[in-house]
Amino acid sequence: MLPLNFSVLDGIVIKSTGSWYLVRTHEEKIYQARLKGKFRIKGIKATNPVVVGDKVSISFNDDGTATINDIQPRNNYIVRKATKLSKRSHIIAANIDQAFLIVTLAKPRTSTGFIDRFLITSEAYHIPSCIVFNKIDIYDFKMLSLMEELESVYSAVGYQCFKVSALRGDNIENLFKSMKNRTTLFSGHSGVGKSHLINAMIPGLNLKTQNISNVHLKGVHTTTFAEMFALPQGGYIIDTPGIKEFGLYDFKPAEISERYPEMRALLHDCKYYNCTHVHEPGCAVKNAVKEGDIAKSRYLNYLKILQDDNLI
C-alpha cells in the first residue's frame, strides 16, 4: 500500500539483489524499490552503485513499488576489486560502524594474506575492524596454538579478537555485547559460519546454512545477497555473501604501508621519506621486523601484496 500524503520518503537500503532493493523508512515500513537509471551512468565505477547501508530517497509508483531517486553521501564504505572486472570495484556495504572479519583455520582455511587485505581496506576507509575466530570447537591442539599466535599478532597492533563457536555457543554473548547499538558488517569466506553466528544472535531468524564441500574443504555459497537485520539489543548486522578473494582497489604503493598500524608508526623514522620498506638502507620498518617488533608474517604479506598487485 502506498503511504498517504507522501510522494518522497527517506530510508535505508536493507537488502540488495542487484536489480531490486528493499528500503526501510524511518516509519519502519519496508518498500521494494528499483534504481533510477541515471545512477548507472553517473561515473560510478562500481559494479553496484547502491548497496546495503546506503541512505536513499524513494518516490512511489502506481503499482505500489518505489524508485530510488537519490543517494545521500556515505560516511564510509568497504570496497574490493570486482572479481571479473578488474578495473571496477564492488562495494560490500556502506555507513558501517564496525566490520567483523569471520575467520576459520580449517574447513575452510582463512589465510593471513586475506586477513591483511581486508584490514588494509577497512583502515583506508576508517572502519574499525575485529577478527572473529569461529569454529573453535573443531580445532585440535595445533590449530588452537596457531589461533593463539594469530590473536597475539593482531591484538598487538590494535585489532580486537574474538574466539567463538557458533555450534556450541562459546563466547557468543561477548560478541553480541560488542555489537549493541552499532551497525556491524560480517564478512569472510563462504563456509566460515557467518549465517550460523547471526542465527545464534537473532533467535527465530533461521538464515539458510549449508555444510562445506567435503571434496574441496571450501565453503558453499549460502548467502546470495547482502542483507541488514535488526539486533534484539539494538543495532544492526549486515550479512554478506562469502568472498573468495579480496582484491585491493585503487591503492597507491605508499598507501599500503600506511594502512599497517605498526608500520605507520615508524614511517618518519626511515632514512628516506619515500621508503618502500623493501630494499632501502636505514629502513625503520625492516629493522623492526629484524628485532621482532613487527610480525614477520605481516611484513611478508606486505611484500606479497606489493608484488601481486604490481605495486613495485
C-alpha atoms as a PDB file:
ATOM      1  CA  MET A   1       0.000   0.000   0.000  1.00  0.00           C
ATOM      2  CA  LEU A   2       1.266   3.460  -0.876  1.00  0.00           C
ATOM      3  CA  PRO A   3       1.958   5.829   2.049  1.00  0.00           C
ATOM      4  CA  LEU A   4      -0.610   8.573   2.483  1.00  0.00           C
ATOM      5  CA  ASN A   5       0.382  12.207   1.924  1.00  0.00           C
ATOM      6  CA  PHE A   6       3.955  11.350   0.945  1.00  0.00           C
ATOM      7  CA  SER A   7       5.382  11.383  -2.570  1.00  0.00           C
ATOM      8  CA  VAL A   8       9.012  11.036  -1.395  1.00  0.00           C
ATOM      9  CA  LEU A   9      10.406   9.289   1.687  1.00  0.00           C
ATOM     10  CA  ASP A  10      13.903   8.813   3.099  1.00  0.00           C
ATOM     11  CA  GLY A  11      15.108   5.384   4.125  1.00  0.00           C
ATOM     12  CA  ILE A  12      17.979   2.936   4.268  1.00  0.00           C
ATOM     13  CA  VAL A  13      18.714   0.038   1.933  1.00  0.00           C
ATOM     14  CA  ILE A  14      18.441  -3.209   3.908  1.00  0.00           C
ATOM     15  CA  LYS A  15      18.733  -5.710   1.043  1.00  0.00           C
ATOM     16  CA  SER A  16      20.254  -5.622  -2.422  1.00  0.00           C
ATOM     17  CA  THR A  17      19.677  -8.236  -5.106  1.00  0.00           C
ATOM     18  CA  GLY A  18      21.319  -6.248  -7.886  1.00  0.00           C
ATOM     19  CA  SER A  19      18.090  -5.295  -9.617  1.00  0.00           C
ATOM     20  CA  TRP A  20      15.688  -4.817  -6.690  1.00  0.00           C
ATOM     21  CA  TYR A  21      16.289  -3.243  -3.300  1.00  0.00           C
ATOM     22  CA  LEU A  22      14.417  -3.328  -0.005  1.00  0.00           C
ATOM     23  CA  VAL A  23      14.268   0.097   1.644  1.00  0.00           C
ATOM     24  CA  ARG A  24      13.255   0.596   5.278  1.00  0.00           C
ATOM     25  CA  THR A  25      11.870   4.065   6.027  1.00  0.00           C
ATOM     26  CA  HIS A  26      12.040   5.971   9.296  1.00  0.00           C
ATOM     27  CA  GLU A  27       8.498   4.769   9.995  1.00  0.00           C
ATOM     28  CA  GLU A  28       9.836   1.174   9.914  1.00  0.00           C
ATOM     29  CA  LYS A  29       7.905   0.422   6.711  1.00  0.00           C
ATOM     30  CA  ILE A  30       9.669  -1.643   4.054  1.00  0.00           C
ATOM     31  CA  TYR A  31       9.274  -0.980   0.332  1.00  0.00           C
ATOM     32  CA  GLN A  32      10.574  -2.761  -2.740  1.00  0.00           C
ATOM     33  CA  ALA A  33      12.414  -0.343  -4.997  1.00  0.00           C
ATOM     34  CA  ARG A  34      14.305  -0.171  -8.249  1.00  0.00           C
ATOM     35  CA  LEU A  35      17.222   2.091  -9.021  1.00  0.00           C
ATOM     36  CA  LYS A  36      16.587   5.090 -11.232  1.00  0.00           C
ATOM     37  CA  GLY A  37      18.540   4.569 -14.447  1.00  0.00           C
ATOM     38  CA  LYS A  38      20.624   7.739 -14.265  1.00  0.00           C
ATOM     39  CA  PHE A  39      22.722   6.355 -11.397  1.00  0.00           C
ATOM     40  CA  ARG A  40      24.217   3.780 -13.733  1.00  0.00           C
ATOM     41  CA  ILE A  41      25.763   6.480 -15.924  1.00  0.00           C
ATOM     42  CA  LYS A  42      26.939   8.991 -13.299  1.00  0.00           C
ATOM     43  CA  GLY A  43      30.556   7.882 -13.467  1.00  0.00           C
ATOM     44  CA  ILE A  44      30.265   5.370 -10.650  1.00  0.00           C
ATOM     45  CA  LYS A  45      32.901   2.727 -11.364  1.00  0.00           C
ATOM     46  CA  ALA A  46      31.385   0.164  -9.001  1.00  0.00           C
ATOM     47  CA  THR A  47      29.506  -2.895 -10.196  1.00  0.00           C
ATOM     48  CA  ASN A  48      26.813  -2.000  -7.651  1.00  0.00           C
ATOM     49  CA  PRO A  49      26.097   1.750  -7.333  1.00  0.00           C
ATOM     50  CA  VAL A  50      23.603   1.248  -4.470  1.00  0.00           C
ATOM     51  CA  VAL A  51      24.445  -1.055  -1.536  1.00  0.00           C
ATOM     52  CA  VAL A  52      23.091  -2.176   1.803  1.00  0.00           C
ATOM     53  CA  GLY A  53      23.513   0.620   4.326  1.00  0.00           C
ATOM     54  CA  ASP A  54      23.001   3.400   1.787  1.00  0.00           C
ATOM     55  CA  LYS A  55      20.675   6.198   2.860  1.00  0.00           C
ATOM     56  CA  VAL A  56      18.347   6.942  -0.025  1.00  0.00           C
ATOM     57  CA  SER A  57      15.249   8.865  -1.077  1.00  0.00           C
ATOM     58  CA  ILE A  58      12.437   6.987  -2.775  1.00  0.00           C
ATOM     59  CA  SER A  59       9.359   8.000  -4.739  1.00  0.00           C
ATOM     60  CA  PHE A  60       6.351   5.790  -5.374  1.00  0.00           C
ATOM     61  CA  ASN A  61       4.890   4.228  -8.483  1.00  0.00           C
ATOM     62  CA  ASP A  62       1.280   3.401  -9.277  1.00  0.00           C
ATOM     63  CA  ASP A  63       1.901  -0.336  -8.866  1.00  0.00           C
ATOM     64  CA  GLY A  64       2.951   0.060  -5.239  1.00  0.00           C
ATOM     65  CA  THR A  65       6.680  -0.243  -5.893  1.00  0.00           C
ATOM     66  CA  ALA A  66       9.196   2.529  -5.390  1.00  0.00           C
ATOM     67  CA  THR A  67      12.085   4.136  -7.237  1.00  0.00           C
ATOM     68  CA  ILE A  68      15.385   5.203  -5.664  1.00  0.00           C
ATOM     69  CA  ASN A  69      15.923   8.776  -6.804  1.00  0.00           C
ATOM     70  CA  ASP A  70      18.798   9.963  -4.655  1.00  0.00           C
ATOM     71  CA  ILE A  71      21.679   8.542  -2.611  1.00  0.00           C
ATOM     72  CA  GLN A  72      22.930  10.565   0.340  1.00  0.00           C
ATOM     73  CA  PRO A  73      26.703  10.961   0.812  1.00  0.00           C
ATOM     74  CA  ARG A  74      28.247   7.951   2.530  1.00  0.00           C
ATOM     75  CA  ASN A  75      30.046   8.229   5.864  1.00  0.00           C
ATOM     76  CA  ASN A  76      32.200   5.319   4.750  1.00  0.00           C
ATOM     77  CA  TYR A  77      32.075   2.078   2.822  1.00  0.00           C
ATOM     78  CA  ILE A  78      34.169  -1.018   2.331  1.00  0.00           C
ATOM     79  CA  VAL A  79      35.175  -1.978  -1.182  1.00  0.00           C
ATOM     80  CA  ARG A  80      37.154  -4.617  -3.024  1.00  0.00           C
ATOM     81  CA  LYS A  81      38.205  -5.158  -6.604  1.00  0.00           C
ATOM     82  CA  ALA A  82      35.425  -6.733  -8.669  1.00  0.00           C
ATOM     83  CA  THR A  83      36.284 -10.357  -9.336  1.00  0.00           C
ATOM     84  CA  LYS A  84      35.784 -10.387 -13.094  1.00  0.00           C
ATOM     85  CA  LEU A  85      36.001  -6.686 -13.930  1.00  0.00           C
ATOM     86  CA  SER A  86      39.394  -5.796 -12.534  1.00  0.00           C
ATOM     87  CA  LYS A  87      39.084  -2.100 -13.393  1.00  0.00           C
ATOM     88  CA  ARG A  88      35.886  -1.784 -11.408  1.00  0.00           C
ATOM     89  CA  SER A  89      35.108  -2.073  -7.730  1.00  0.00           C
ATOM     90  CA  HIS A  90      32.500  -3.970  -5.761  1.00  0.00           C
ATOM     91  CA  ILE A  91      31.196  -2.120  -2.718  1.00  0.00           C
ATOM     92  CA  ILE A  92      30.289  -4.558   0.051  1.00  0.00           C
ATOM     93  CA  ALA A  93      28.275  -2.184   2.278  1.00  0.00           C
ATOM     94  CA  ALA A  94      28.097   1.460   3.341  1.00  0.00           C
ATOM     95  CA  ASN A  95      27.704   3.546   6.501  1.00  0.00           C
ATOM     96  CA  ILE A  96      29.235   0.938   8.807  1.00  0.00           C
ATOM     97  CA  ASP A  97      30.191   1.437  12.459  1.00  0.00           C
ATOM     98  CA  GLN A  98      32.464  -1.598  12.544  1.00  0.00           C
ATOM     99  CA  ALA A  99      33.448  -4.634  10.479  1.00  0.00           C
ATOM    100  CA  PHE A 100      33.867  -8.181  11.773  1.00  0.00           C
ATOM    101  CA  LEU A 101      36.004 -10.478   9.647  1.00  0.00           C
ATOM    102  CA  ILE A 102      34.945 -14.053  10.337  1.00  0.00           C
ATOM    103  CA  VAL A 103      37.987 -16.321  10.163  1.00  0.00           C
ATOM    104  CA  THR A 104      38.401 -20.096  10.314  1.00  0.00           C
ATOM    105  CA  LEU A 105      41.665 -22.031  10.443  1.00  0.00           C
ATOM    106  CA  ALA A 106      40.124 -25.118   8.838  1.00  0.00           C
ATOM    107  CA  LYS A 107      37.067 -26.080   6.788  1.00  0.00           C
ATOM    108  CA  PRO A 108      37.766 -23.626   5.128  1.00  0.00           C
ATOM    109  CA  ARG A 109      41.134 -22.068   5.966  1.00  0.00           C
ATOM    110  CA  THR A 110      41.421 -18.291   6.006  1.00  0.00           C
ATOM    111  CA  SER A 111      44.915 -17.145   5.042  1.00  0.00           C
ATOM    112  CA  THR A 112      46.664 -14.271   6.794  1.00  0.00           C
ATOM    113  CA  GLY A 113      47.033 -12.669   3.367  1.00  0.00           C
ATOM    114  CA  PHE A 114      43.246 -12.471   3.083  1.00  0.00           C
ATOM    115  CA  ILE A 115      43.005 -11.098   6.610  1.00  0.00           C
ATOM    116  CA  ASP A 116      45.585  -8.385   5.935  1.00  0.00           C
ATOM    117  CA  ARG A 117      43.978  -7.315   2.654  1.00  0.00           C
ATOM    118  CA  PHE A 118      40.650  -6.893   4.431  1.00  0.00           C
ATOM    119  CA  LEU A 119      42.235  -4.914   7.272  1.00  0.00           C
ATOM    120  CA  ILE A 120      44.131  -2.659   4.846  1.00  0.00           C
ATOM    121  CA  THR A 121      40.862  -1.724   3.184  1.00  0.00           C
ATOM    122  CA  SER A 122      38.995  -1.171   6.449  1.00  0.00           C
ATOM    123  CA  GLU A 123      41.856   1.062   7.643  1.00  0.00           C
ATOM    124  CA  ALA A 124      41.727   3.054   4.402  1.00  0.00           C
ATOM    125  CA  TYR A 125      38.034   3.791   4.868  1.00  0.00           C
ATOM    126  CA  HIS A 126      38.310   4.401   8.630  1.00  0.00           C
ATOM    127  CA  ILE A 127      36.180   1.438   9.652  1.00  0.00           C
ATOM    128  CA  PRO A 128      37.165  -0.167  12.986  1.00  0.00           C
ATOM    129  CA  SER A 129      37.597  -3.913  12.473  1.00  0.00           C
ATOM    130  CA  CYS A 130      37.657  -7.018  14.643  1.00  0.00           C
ATOM    131  CA  ILE A 131      38.742 -10.561  13.868  1.00  0.00           C
ATOM    132  CA  VAL A 132      36.346 -13.337  14.861  1.00  0.00           C
ATOM    133  CA  PHE A 133      37.902 -16.802  15.016  1.00  0.00           C
ATOM    134  CA  ASN A 134      34.960 -19.173  14.529  1.00  0.00           C
ATOM    135  CA  LYS A 135      34.631 -22.986  14.739  1.00  0.00           C
ATOM    136  CA  ILE A 136      36.952 -23.310  17.718  1.00  0.00           C
ATOM    137  CA  ASP A 137      35.005 -26.474  18.587  1.00  0.00           C
ATOM    138  CA  ILE A 138      36.742 -28.393  15.757  1.00  0.00           C
ATOM    139  CA  TYR A 139      40.310 -27.231  16.403  1.00  0.00           C
ATOM    140  CA  ASP A 140      42.934 -29.663  17.598  1.00  0.00           C
ATOM    141  CA  PHE A 141      45.893 -28.640  19.769  1.00  0.00           C
ATOM    142  CA  LYS A 142      47.958 -27.496  16.769  1.00  0.00           C
ATOM    143  CA  MET A 143      45.149 -25.283  15.431  1.00  0.00           C
ATOM    144  CA  LEU A 144      44.426 -23.840  18.871  1.00  0.00           C
ATOM    145  CA  SER A 145      48.124 -22.931  19.193  1.00  0.00           C
ATOM    146  CA  LEU A 146      48.061 -21.263  15.778  1.00  0.00           C
ATOM    147  CA  MET A 147      44.937 -19.317  16.745  1.00  0.00           C
ATOM    148  CA  GLU A 148      46.610 -18.070  19.924  1.00  0.00           C
ATOM    149  CA  GLU A 149      49.628 -16.992  17.874  1.00  0.00           C
ATOM    150  CA  LEU A 150      47.462 -15.099  15.366  1.00  0.00           C
ATOM    151  CA  GLU A 151      45.470 -13.490  18.158  1.00  0.00           C
ATOM    152  CA  SER A 152      48.721 -12.278  19.689  1.00  0.00           C
ATOM    153  CA  VAL A 153      49.909 -10.812  16.358  1.00  0.00           C
ATOM    154  CA  TYR A 154      46.706  -8.931  15.581  1.00  0.00           C
ATOM    155  CA  SER A 155      45.791  -7.797  19.084  1.00  0.00           C
ATOM    156  CA  ALA A 156      49.313  -6.361  19.436  1.00  0.00           C
ATOM    157  CA  VAL A 157      48.627  -3.919  16.591  1.00  0.00           C
ATOM    158  CA  GLY A 158      45.194  -2.900  17.871  1.00  0.00           C
ATOM    159  CA  TYR A 159      42.667  -5.365  16.474  1.00  0.00           C
ATOM    160  CA  GLN A 160      40.231  -6.885  18.943  1.00  0.00           C
ATOM    161  CA  CYS A 161      39.875 -10.641  18.505  1.00  0.00           C
ATOM    162  CA  PHE A 162      37.054 -12.974  19.486  1.00  0.00           C
ATOM    163  CA  LYS A 163      37.262 -16.777  19.731  1.00  0.00           C
ATOM    164  CA  VAL A 164      33.826 -18.279  19.244  1.00  0.00           C
ATOM    165  CA  SER A 165      31.861 -21.348  18.271  1.00  0.00           C
ATOM    166  CA  ALA A 166      28.525 -20.832  16.581  1.00  0.00           C
ATOM    167  CA  LEU A 167      27.792 -24.531  17.089  1.00  0.00           C
ATOM    168  CA  ARG A 168      28.466 -24.712  20.837  1.00  0.00           C
ATOM    169  CA  GLY A 169      27.731 -21.066  21.620  1.00  0.00           C
ATOM    170  CA  ASP A 170      31.199 -20.314  23.022  1.00  0.00           C
ATOM    171  CA  ASN A 171      31.671 -16.571  23.678  1.00  0.00           C
ATOM    172  CA  ILE A 172      28.652 -15.615  21.563  1.00  0.00           C
ATOM    173  CA  GLU A 173      27.445 -13.377  24.401  1.00  0.00           C
ATOM    174  CA  ASN A 174      30.646 -11.292  24.307  1.00  0.00           C
ATOM    175  CA  LEU A 175      30.342 -10.938  20.547  1.00  0.00           C
ATOM    176  CA  PHE A 176      26.710  -9.957  20.983  1.00  0.00           C
ATOM    177  CA  LYS A 177      27.521  -7.217  23.506  1.00  0.00           C
ATOM    178  CA  SER A 178      30.177  -5.658  21.249  1.00  0.00           C
ATOM    179  CA  MET A 179      27.540  -5.056  18.572  1.00  0.00           C
ATOM    180  CA  LYS A 180      24.957  -3.238  20.696  1.00  0.00           C
ATOM    181  CA  ASN A 181      23.586  -0.090  19.044  1.00  0.00           C
ATOM    182  CA  ARG A 182      26.064  -0.364  16.161  1.00  0.00           C
ATOM    183  CA  THR A 183      25.842  -1.294  12.505  1.00  0.00           C
ATOM    184  CA  THR A 184      28.226  -4.214  12.080  1.00  0.00           C
ATOM    185  CA  LEU A 185      29.368  -5.800   8.839  1.00  0.00           C
ATOM    186  CA  PHE A 186      30.047  -9.551   8.752  1.00  0.00           C
ATOM    187  CA  SER A 187      32.465 -10.611   6.015  1.00  0.00           C
ATOM    188  CA  GLY A 188      34.676 -13.582   5.183  1.00  0.00           C
ATOM    189  CA  HIS A 189      34.974 -16.662   3.003  1.00  0.00           C
ATOM    190  CA  SER A 190      31.987 -18.857   2.223  1.00  0.00           C
ATOM    191  CA  GLY A 191      31.632 -21.534   4.867  1.00  0.00           C
ATOM    192  CA  VAL A 192      33.227 -19.675   7.799  1.00  0.00           C
ATOM    193  CA  GLY A 193      29.886 -19.598   9.627  1.00  0.00           C
ATOM    194  CA  LYS A 194      28.598 -16.042   9.188  1.00  0.00           C
ATOM    195  CA  SER A 195      24.975 -17.158   8.908  1.00  0.00           C
ATOM    196  CA  HIS A 196      25.341 -19.635  11.790  1.00  0.00           C
ATOM    197  CA  LEU A 197      26.636 -16.836  14.018  1.00  0.00           C
ATOM    198  CA  ILE A 198      23.816 -14.495  13.044  1.00  0.00           C
ATOM    199  CA  ASN A 199      21.234 -17.217  13.722  1.00  0.00           C
ATOM    200  CA  ALA A 200      22.783 -17.683  17.174  1.00  0.00           C
ATOM    201  CA  MET A 201      22.379 -13.972  17.933  1.00  0.00           C
ATOM    202  CA  ILE A 202      18.919 -13.391  16.429  1.00  0.00           C
ATOM    203  CA  PRO A 203      16.507 -16.114  17.612  1.00  0.00           C
ATOM    204  CA  GLY A 204      13.939 -17.124  15.028  1.00  0.00           C
ATOM    205  CA  LEU A 205      15.786 -15.634  12.066  1.00  0.00           C
ATOM    206  CA  ASN A 206      16.788 -19.041  10.676  1.00  0.00           C
ATOM    207  CA  LEU A 207      19.073 -17.927   7.876  1.00  0.00           C
ATOM    208  CA  LYS A 208      19.816 -20.743   5.463  1.00  0.00           C
ATOM    209  CA  THR A 209      23.075 -22.541   6.225  1.00  0.00           C
ATOM    210  CA  GLN A 210      24.985 -25.259   4.420  1.00  0.00           C
ATOM    211  CA  ASN A 211      27.882 -27.579   5.159  1.00  0.00           C
ATOM    212  CA  ILE A 212      31.182 -27.059   3.371  1.00  0.00           C
ATOM    213  CA  SER A 213      32.183 -29.230   0.428  1.00  0.00           C
ATOM    214  CA  ASN A 214      33.760 -32.463   1.698  1.00  0.00           C
ATOM    215  CA  VAL A 215      35.720 -32.756  -1.535  1.00  0.00           C
ATOM    216  CA  HIS A 216      37.475 -29.389  -1.654  1.00  0.00           C
ATOM    217  CA  LEU A 217      37.013 -28.353   2.006  1.00  0.00           C
ATOM    218  CA  LYS A 218      35.775 -24.993   0.754  1.00  0.00           C
ATOM    219  CA  GLY A 219      32.649 -23.117   1.640  1.00  0.00           C
ATOM    220  CA  VAL A 220      29.472 -23.302  -0.379  1.00  0.00           C
ATOM    221  CA  HIS A 221      27.637 -20.014  -1.009  1.00  0.00           C
ATOM    222  CA  THR A 222      24.536 -19.798   1.165  1.00  0.00           C
ATOM    223  CA  THR A 223      24.022 -16.053   1.492  1.00  0.00           C
ATOM    224  CA  THR A 224      23.359 -14.838  -2.055  1.00  0.00           C
ATOM    225  CA  PHE A 225      22.648 -11.166  -1.395  1.00  0.00           C
ATOM    226  CA  ALA A 226      23.754  -8.679   1.240  1.00  0.00           C
ATOM    227  CA  GLU A 227      21.062  -8.010   3.826  1.00  0.00           C
ATOM    228  CA  MET A 228      20.699  -5.991   7.039  1.00  0.00           C
ATOM    229  CA  PHE A 229      18.998  -7.397  10.148  1.00  0.00           C
ATOM    230  CA  ALA A 230      17.950  -5.688  13.376  1.00  0.00           C
ATOM    231  CA  LEU A 231      19.604  -6.982  16.556  1.00  0.00           C
ATOM    232  CA  PRO A 232      17.411  -7.616  19.622  1.00  0.00           C
ATOM    233  CA  GLN A 233      19.590  -5.441  21.875  1.00  0.00           C
ATOM    234  CA  GLY A 234      19.686  -2.561  19.368  1.00  0.00           C
ATOM    235  CA  GLY A 235      21.846  -2.067  16.343  1.00  0.00           C
ATOM    236  CA  TYR A 236      22.069  -3.873  13.021  1.00  0.00           C
ATOM    237  CA  ILE A 237      24.110  -6.601  11.416  1.00  0.00           C
ATOM    238  CA  ILE A 238      24.878  -6.812   7.703  1.00  0.00           C
ATOM    239  CA  ASP A 239      25.215 -10.351   6.384  1.00  0.00           C
ATOM    240  CA  THR A 240      27.171 -10.598   3.122  1.00  0.00           C
ATOM    241  CA  PRO A 241      27.899 -13.315   0.562  1.00  0.00           C
ATOM    242  CA  GLY A 242      31.156 -15.190   1.012  1.00  0.00           C
ATOM    243  CA  ILE A 243      34.227 -13.722  -0.644  1.00  0.00           C
ATOM    244  CA  LYS A 244      36.755 -15.960  -2.372  1.00  0.00           C
ATOM    245  CA  GLU A 245      39.439 -13.317  -2.857  1.00  0.00           C
ATOM    246  CA  PHE A 246      39.822  -9.793  -1.501  1.00  0.00           C
ATOM    247  CA  GLY A 247      41.443  -7.683  -4.203  1.00  0.00           C
ATOM    248  CA  LEU A 248      42.613  -4.219  -3.174  1.00  0.00           C
ATOM    249  CA  TYR A 249      41.075  -1.417  -5.219  1.00  0.00           C
ATOM    250  CA  ASP A 250      42.683   1.903  -6.137  1.00  0.00           C
ATOM    251  CA  PHE A 251      45.691   1.839  -3.807  1.00  0.00           C
ATOM    252  CA  LYS A 252      48.999   3.552  -4.498  1.00  0.00           C
ATOM    253  CA  PRO A 253      52.205   1.777  -3.348  1.00  0.00           C
ATOM    254  CA  ALA A 254      52.891   4.169  -0.465  1.00  0.00           C
ATOM    255  CA  GLU A 255      49.351   3.777   0.867  1.00  0.00           C
ATOM    256  CA  ILE A 256      49.774   0.080   1.656  1.00  0.00           C
ATOM    257  CA  SER A 257      52.309   0.542   4.483  1.00  0.00           C
ATOM    258  CA  GLU A 258      50.261   3.464   5.805  1.00  0.00           C
ATOM    259  CA  ARG A 259      47.400   1.016   6.418  1.00  0.00           C
ATOM    260  CA  TYR A 260      49.538  -1.223   8.620  1.00  0.00           C
ATOM    261  CA  PRO A 261      49.295   0.457  12.070  1.00  0.00           C
ATOM    262  CA  GLU A 262      52.651  -0.946  13.192  1.00  0.00           C
ATOM    263  CA  MET A 263      54.369   0.343  10.032  1.00  0.00           C
ATOM    264  CA  ARG A 264      52.572   3.672  10.067  1.00  0.00           C
ATOM    265  CA  ALA A 265      54.046   4.394  13.494  1.00  0.00           C
ATOM    266  CA  LEU A 266      57.586   4.107  12.067  1.00  0.00           C
ATOM    267  CA  LEU A 267      57.272   5.829   8.689  1.00  0.00           C
ATOM    268  CA  HIS A 268      59.006   9.028   9.864  1.00  0.00           C
ATOM    269  CA  ASP A 269      61.930   7.067  11.262  1.00  0.00           C
ATOM    270  CA  CYS A 270      63.078   5.710   7.892  1.00  0.00           C
ATOM    271  CA  LYS A 271      66.164   7.267   6.323  1.00  0.00           C
ATOM    272  CA  TYR A 272      64.289   8.133   3.117  1.00  0.00           C
ATOM    273  CA  TYR A 273      60.911   9.898   3.139  1.00  0.00           C
ATOM    274  CA  ASN A 274      59.682   7.752   0.236  1.00  0.00           C
ATOM    275  CA  CYS A 275      60.961   4.463   1.644  1.00  0.00           C
ATOM    276  CA  THR A 276      59.121   1.432   0.285  1.00  0.00           C
ATOM    277  CA  HIS A 277      60.438  -0.772   3.141  1.00  0.00           C
ATOM    278  CA  VAL A 278      61.650  -3.280   0.575  1.00  0.00           C
ATOM    279  CA  HIS A 279      65.293  -2.586  -0.364  1.00  0.00           C
ATOM    280  CA  GLU A 280      66.295   0.792   1.091  1.00  0.00           C
ATOM    281  CA  PRO A 281      69.048   1.132   3.714  1.00  0.00           C
ATOM    282  CA  GLY A 282      68.151   2.767   7.001  1.00  0.00           C
ATOM    283  CA  CYS A 283      64.580   1.426   6.914  1.00  0.00           C
ATOM    284  CA  ALA A 284      62.933   1.542  10.341  1.00  0.00           C
ATOM    285  CA  VAL A 285      60.276  -0.980   9.296  1.00  0.00           C
ATOM    286  CA  LYS A 286      62.780  -3.617   8.156  1.00  0.00           C
ATOM    287  CA  ASN A 287      64.763  -3.075  11.332  1.00  0.00           C
ATOM    288  CA  ALA A 288      61.608  -3.557  13.435  1.00  0.00           C
ATOM    289  CA  VAL A 289      60.935  -6.845  11.633  1.00  0.00           C
ATOM    290  CA  LYS A 290      64.507  -7.955  12.329  1.00  0.00           C
ATOM    291  CA  GLU A 291      64.150  -7.051  16.006  1.00  0.00           C
ATOM    292  CA  GLY A 292      60.804  -8.843  16.279  1.00  0.00           C
ATOM    293  CA  ASP A 293      58.801  -5.657  16.900  1.00  0.00           C
ATOM    294  CA  ILE A 294      56.810  -6.219  13.697  1.00  0.00           C
ATOM    295  CA  ALA A 295      55.483  -9.711  12.995  1.00  0.00           C
ATOM    296  CA  LYS A 296      57.378 -11.339  10.142  1.00  0.00           C
ATOM    297  CA  SER A 297      54.121 -12.782   8.787  1.00  0.00           C
ATOM    298  CA  ARG A 298      52.618  -9.326   8.447  1.00  0.00           C
ATOM    299  CA  TYR A 299      55.714  -7.984   6.691  1.00  0.00           C
ATOM    300  CA  LEU A 300      55.850 -10.925   4.266  1.00  0.00           C
ATOM    301  CA  ASN A 301      52.173 -10.366   3.440  1.00  0.00           C
ATOM    302  CA  TYR A 302      53.009  -6.711   2.797  1.00  0.00           C
ATOM    303  CA  LEU A 303      55.728  -7.704   0.311  1.00  0.00           C
ATOM    304  CA  LYS A 304      53.430 -10.202  -1.400  1.00  0.00           C
ATOM    305  CA  ILE A 305      50.673  -7.612  -1.763  1.00  0.00           C
ATOM    306  CA  LEU A 306      53.103  -5.178  -3.398  1.00  0.00           C
ATOM    307  CA  GLN A 307      54.262  -7.895  -5.776  1.00  0.00           C
ATOM    308  CA  ASP A 308      50.875  -9.445  -6.584  1.00  0.00           C
ATOM    309  CA  ASP A 309      49.245  -6.063  -7.203  1.00  0.00           C
ATOM    310  CA  ASN A 310      52.172  -4.835  -9.345  1.00  0.00           C
ATOM    311  CA  LEU A 311      52.886  -2.007  -6.927  1.00  0.00           C
ATOM    312  CA  ILE A 312      56.662  -2.474  -7.028  1.00  0.00           C
END
